[in-house]
Amino acid sequence: MAEKPASKTFKASDGKTHKVYKSGDKVMVDHTAKKGGKWDKINLTKEAGAKTVSQGVKAVKKWHKKNG
């Protein structure tokens, strides 16, 4: 069975780099281009119901597709 990735870094449709990673039982996204601020790190388990890094990546891509 393939091992699940602990994190994935990618560019979303806004052109900025995002890092989705597992932190304990939470899936988080870190906006690597900026530090601090309310939306720098987002709990995707809480906000989008993501349980895996792959689900977190999908949630981020879906949000950026919908919101630009």
N, C-alpha and C. Protein backbone atom coordinates (compact mmCIF):
# COMPACT_ATOMS: atom_id res chain seq x y z
N MET A 1 0.84 -1.18 0.00
CA MET A 1 0.00 0.00 0.00
C MET A 1 0.88 1.24 0.00
N ALA A 2 0.52 2.24 -0.80
CA ALA A 2 1.32 3.45 -0.91
C ALA A 2 1.21 4.29 0.36
N GLU A 3 2.33 4.90 0.72
CA GLU A 3 2.37 5.75 1.90
C GLU A 3 1.76 7.11 1.58
N LYS A 4 0.96 7.65 2.49
CA LYS A 4 0.32 8.95 2.28
C LYS A 4 1.34 10.06 2.50
N PRO A 5 1.29 11.10 1.66
CA PRO A 5 2.24 12.21 1.84
C PRO A 5 1.94 12.99 3.10
N ALA A 6 3.00 13.45 3.79
CA ALA A 6 2.84 14.25 5.00
C ALA A 6 2.52 15.69 4.65
N SER A 7 2.96 16.13 3.46
CA SER A 7 2.68 17.49 3.01
C SER A 7 2.77 17.58 1.50
N LYS A 8 2.19 18.65 0.97
CA LYS A 8 2.27 18.91 -0.46
C LYS A 8 2.30 20.41 -0.66
N THR A 9 3.26 20.89 -1.46
CA THR A 9 3.37 22.30 -1.78
C THR A 9 3.01 22.48 -3.24
N PHE A 10 2.17 23.49 -3.53
CA PHE A 10 1.73 23.72 -4.90
C PHE A 10 1.33 25.17 -5.07
N LYS A 11 1.19 25.60 -6.33
CA LYS A 11 0.70 26.94 -6.63
C LYS A 11 -0.77 26.83 -6.96
N ALA A 12 -1.58 27.63 -6.30
CA ALA A 12 -3.01 27.66 -6.58
C ALA A 12 -3.27 28.61 -7.75
N SER A 13 -4.53 28.73 -8.16
CA SER A 13 -4.86 29.56 -9.31
C SER A 13 -4.54 31.03 -9.10
N ASP A 14 -4.33 31.44 -7.84
CA ASP A 14 -3.95 32.83 -7.58
C ASP A 14 -2.46 33.06 -7.80
N GLY A 15 -1.71 32.00 -8.14
CA GLY A 15 -0.29 32.11 -8.44
C GLY A 15 0.61 32.07 -7.21
N LYS A 16 0.02 31.95 -6.03
CA LYS A 16 0.79 31.93 -4.79
C LYS A 16 1.00 30.49 -4.32
N THR A 17 2.12 30.28 -3.62
CA THR A 17 2.46 28.96 -3.13
C THR A 17 1.71 28.66 -1.84
N HIS A 18 1.15 27.45 -1.78
CA HIS A 18 0.44 26.97 -0.60
C HIS A 18 1.05 25.65 -0.18
N LYS A 19 1.17 25.44 1.11
CA LYS A 19 1.66 24.17 1.63
C LYS A 19 0.55 23.55 2.47
N VAL A 20 0.09 22.38 2.07
CA VAL A 20 -0.93 21.64 2.81
C VAL A 20 -0.20 20.52 3.55
N TYR A 21 -0.45 20.41 4.85
CA TYR A 21 0.27 19.43 5.66
C TYR A 21 -0.61 18.90 6.78
N LYS A 22 -0.22 17.77 7.32
CA LYS A 22 -0.91 17.12 8.43
C LYS A 22 -0.23 17.54 9.73
N SER A 23 -1.02 17.99 10.69
CA SER A 23 -0.52 18.39 11.99
C SER A 23 -1.36 17.68 13.04
N GLY A 24 -0.85 16.56 13.54
CA GLY A 24 -1.65 15.74 14.45
C GLY A 24 -2.82 15.16 13.70
N ASP A 25 -4.03 15.46 14.15
CA ASP A 25 -5.22 14.96 13.45
C ASP A 25 -5.85 16.03 12.58
N LYS A 26 -5.17 17.17 12.40
CA LYS A 26 -5.69 18.27 11.59
C LYS A 26 -4.92 18.37 10.27
N VAL A 27 -5.63 18.81 9.23
CA VAL A 27 -5.01 19.14 7.95
C VAL A 27 -4.99 20.66 7.87
N MET A 28 -3.80 21.22 7.64
CA MET A 28 -3.62 22.67 7.64
C MET A 28 -3.10 23.14 6.29
N VAL A 29 -3.38 24.41 5.95
CA VAL A 29 -2.76 25.05 4.79
C VAL A 29 -2.01 26.27 5.29
N ASP A 30 -0.79 26.45 4.76
CA ASP A 30 0.05 27.59 5.10
C ASP A 30 0.29 28.37 3.81
N HIS A 31 -0.04 29.65 3.84
CA HIS A 31 0.24 30.52 2.70
C HIS A 31 1.69 30.97 2.85
N THR A 32 2.59 30.35 2.11
CA THR A 32 4.02 30.53 2.32
C THR A 32 4.53 31.90 1.89
N ALA A 33 3.79 32.62 1.07
CA ALA A 33 4.26 33.91 0.57
C ALA A 33 4.17 35.01 1.62
N LYS A 34 3.27 34.86 2.59
CA LYS A 34 3.14 35.89 3.62
C LYS A 34 3.23 35.25 5.00
N LYS A 35 3.64 36.03 5.96
CA LYS A 35 3.76 35.54 7.33
C LYS A 35 2.83 36.34 8.23
N GLY A 36 2.16 35.64 9.11
CA GLY A 36 1.24 36.30 10.03
C GLY A 36 -0.09 36.60 9.36
N GLY A 37 -0.94 37.26 10.06
CA GLY A 37 -2.25 37.59 9.51
C GLY A 37 -3.27 36.51 9.82
N LYS A 38 -4.52 36.90 9.73
CA LYS A 38 -5.62 36.01 10.10
C LYS A 38 -5.68 34.75 9.24
N TRP A 39 -5.41 34.86 7.96
CA TRP A 39 -5.58 33.72 7.05
C TRP A 39 -4.26 33.10 6.61
N ASP A 40 -3.17 33.31 7.36
CA ASP A 40 -1.87 32.72 7.00
C ASP A 40 -1.92 31.20 7.10
N LYS A 41 -2.47 30.70 8.20
CA LYS A 41 -2.63 29.24 8.39
C LYS A 41 -4.11 28.97 8.64
N ILE A 42 -4.65 28.00 7.89
CA ILE A 42 -6.07 27.66 7.99
C ILE A 42 -6.22 26.18 8.29
N ASN A 43 -7.08 25.86 9.24
CA ASN A 43 -7.39 24.47 9.59
C ASN A 43 -8.42 23.96 8.59
N LEU A 44 -7.98 23.13 7.63
CA LEU A 44 -8.87 22.62 6.60
C LEU A 44 -9.78 21.52 7.11
N THR A 45 -9.41 20.89 8.21
CA THR A 45 -10.29 19.89 8.82
C THR A 45 -11.54 20.59 9.33
N LYS A 46 -11.35 21.72 9.97
CA LYS A 46 -12.46 22.49 10.53
C LYS A 46 -13.25 23.22 9.43
N GLU A 47 -12.55 23.86 8.50
CA GLU A 47 -13.20 24.71 7.49
C GLU A 47 -13.79 23.93 6.32
N ALA A 48 -13.16 22.80 5.94
CA ALA A 48 -13.61 22.09 4.74
C ALA A 48 -13.84 20.60 4.96
N GLY A 49 -13.63 20.11 6.17
CA GLY A 49 -13.86 18.70 6.45
C GLY A 49 -12.78 17.77 5.91
N ALA A 50 -11.61 18.30 5.58
CA ALA A 50 -10.52 17.50 5.02
C ALA A 50 -9.91 16.59 6.09
N LYS A 51 -9.70 15.32 5.71
CA LYS A 51 -9.08 14.37 6.64
C LYS A 51 -7.71 13.90 6.16
N THR A 52 -7.39 14.18 4.89
CA THR A 52 -6.10 13.81 4.32
C THR A 52 -5.49 15.02 3.62
N VAL A 53 -4.20 14.95 3.34
CA VAL A 53 -3.52 16.01 2.62
C VAL A 53 -4.15 16.17 1.23
N SER A 54 -4.46 15.07 0.57
CA SER A 54 -5.07 15.13 -0.76
C SER A 54 -6.42 15.85 -0.73
N GLN A 55 -7.22 15.56 0.29
CA GLN A 55 -8.51 16.25 0.42
C GLN A 55 -8.29 17.74 0.70
N GLY A 56 -7.24 18.05 1.45
CA GLY A 56 -6.91 19.45 1.73
C GLY A 56 -6.51 20.20 0.47
N VAL A 57 -5.70 19.57 -0.37
CA VAL A 57 -5.29 20.18 -1.64
C VAL A 57 -6.52 20.44 -2.51
N LYS A 58 -7.42 19.46 -2.59
CA LYS A 58 -8.65 19.63 -3.37
C LYS A 58 -9.48 20.79 -2.84
N ALA A 59 -9.58 20.90 -1.52
CA ALA A 59 -10.36 21.98 -0.90
C ALA A 59 -9.79 23.35 -1.24
N VAL A 60 -8.45 23.47 -1.19
CA VAL A 60 -7.81 24.75 -1.51
C VAL A 60 -8.04 25.10 -2.97
N LYS A 61 -7.84 24.14 -3.86
CA LYS A 61 -8.05 24.38 -5.30
C LYS A 61 -9.50 24.75 -5.59
N LYS A 62 -10.43 24.07 -4.94
CA LYS A 62 -11.85 24.38 -5.14
C LYS A 62 -12.18 25.79 -4.66
N TRP A 63 -11.64 26.18 -3.50
CA TRP A 63 -11.90 27.52 -2.97
C TRP A 63 -11.37 28.58 -3.91
N HIS A 64 -10.14 28.39 -4.43
CA HIS A 64 -9.54 29.39 -5.32
C HIS A 64 -10.25 29.43 -6.66
N LYS A 65 -10.77 28.31 -7.12
CA LYS A 65 -11.51 28.29 -8.38
C LYS A 65 -12.80 29.10 -8.23
N LYS A 66 -13.45 28.94 -7.08
CA LYS A 66 -14.73 29.62 -6.83
C LYS A 66 -14.52 31.11 -6.51
N ASN A 67 -13.48 31.45 -5.78
CA ASN A 67 -13.29 32.80 -5.28
C ASN A 67 -12.20 33.61 -5.97
N GLY A 68 -11.60 33.01 -6.97
CA GLY A 68 -10.60 33.74 -7.74
C GLY A 68 -9.23 33.80 -7.22
